[in-house]
Protein backbone atom coordinates (compact mmCIF):
# COMPACT_ATOMS: atom_id res chain seq x y z
CA MET A 1 165.89 94.83 110.74
CA SER A 2 168.01 92.27 112.41
CA TYR A 3 167.76 89.67 115.10
CA GLU A 4 169.59 92.01 117.48
CA PHE A 5 166.90 94.67 117.04
CA SER A 6 164.13 92.35 118.20
CA ASP A 7 166.25 91.29 121.17
CA ALA A 8 166.84 94.91 122.16
CA ILE A 9 163.11 95.71 122.00
CA LEU A 10 162.26 92.67 124.13
CA ILE A 11 164.92 93.61 126.69
CA CYS A 12 163.41 97.11 126.92
CA LEU A 13 159.93 95.64 127.37
CA LYS A 14 161.18 93.31 130.13
CA ARG A 15 162.94 96.22 131.85
CA ASN A 16 159.74 98.27 131.71
CA LYS A 17 157.72 95.37 133.11
CA ARG A 18 160.16 94.98 136.00
CA MET A 19 159.91 98.71 136.70
CA GLY A 20 156.12 98.65 136.43
CA ILE A 21 155.90 101.14 133.56
CA LYS A 22 154.28 101.02 130.13
CA PRO A 23 154.91 99.69 127.56
CA SER A 24 155.73 96.31 128.98
CA SER A 25 154.44 94.19 126.11
CA GLN A 26 153.88 94.14 122.39
CA THR A 27 150.16 94.48 123.15
CA ASP A 28 150.85 97.82 124.86
CA ILE A 29 152.71 98.97 121.74
CA ALA A 30 149.87 97.84 119.47
CA ASN A 31 147.24 99.61 121.59
CA HIS A 32 149.28 102.83 121.79
CA PHE A 33 149.74 103.12 118.02
CA GLY A 34 146.39 101.61 117.02
CA LEU A 35 148.02 98.68 115.24
CA SER A 36 147.21 94.99 115.29
CA LYS A 37 149.24 92.74 117.59
CA PRO A 38 150.42 90.48 114.75
CA TYR A 39 151.62 93.50 112.76
CA VAL A 40 153.63 94.82 115.71
CA ASN A 41 155.20 91.38 116.10
CA GLN A 42 156.08 91.30 112.41
CA LEU A 43 157.56 94.80 112.61
CA ILE A 44 159.73 93.95 115.59
CA ASN A 45 160.91 90.67 114.11
CA GLY A 46 161.72 92.21 110.71
CA ARG A 47 159.11 90.37 108.67
CA VAL A 48 157.69 93.52 107.05
CA ALA A 49 158.89 95.06 103.79
CA ASN A 50 161.66 97.58 104.28
CA SER A 51 160.03 100.91 103.43
CA VAL A 52 159.99 104.50 104.65
CA ASN A 53 156.78 103.82 106.59
CA THR A 54 158.34 100.75 108.25
CA LYS A 55 161.40 102.73 109.31
CA GLU A 56 159.22 105.50 110.74
CA ARG A 57 157.10 103.01 112.68
CA LEU A 58 160.20 101.31 114.08
CA ASP A 59 161.65 104.66 115.14
CA GLU A 60 158.38 105.50 116.90
CA ILE A 61 158.38 102.13 118.64
CA LYS A 62 162.02 102.56 119.72
CA ARG A 63 161.25 105.94 121.26
CA TYR A 64 158.10 104.61 122.94
CA VAL A 65 159.85 101.66 124.62
CA GLY A 66 162.78 103.83 125.70
CA MET A 67 165.42 102.28 123.48
CA ASP A 68 168.53 104.41 122.95
CA ASP A 69 170.16 104.33 119.54
């Protein structure tokens, strides 16, 4: 995870908010996946151990927010 990744996620969330679609916040992501808000923040900002589960969660989040690879 890098600083650029968190920026890209936040840009996608801002775009969604402007367009009036979900997800438009980290709270929307947390609610959709049944995760806690602090955990989603830690995932996005790269403060979670790099594991297979973390990579899968991040891929799910990327798809959900509409981020292209």
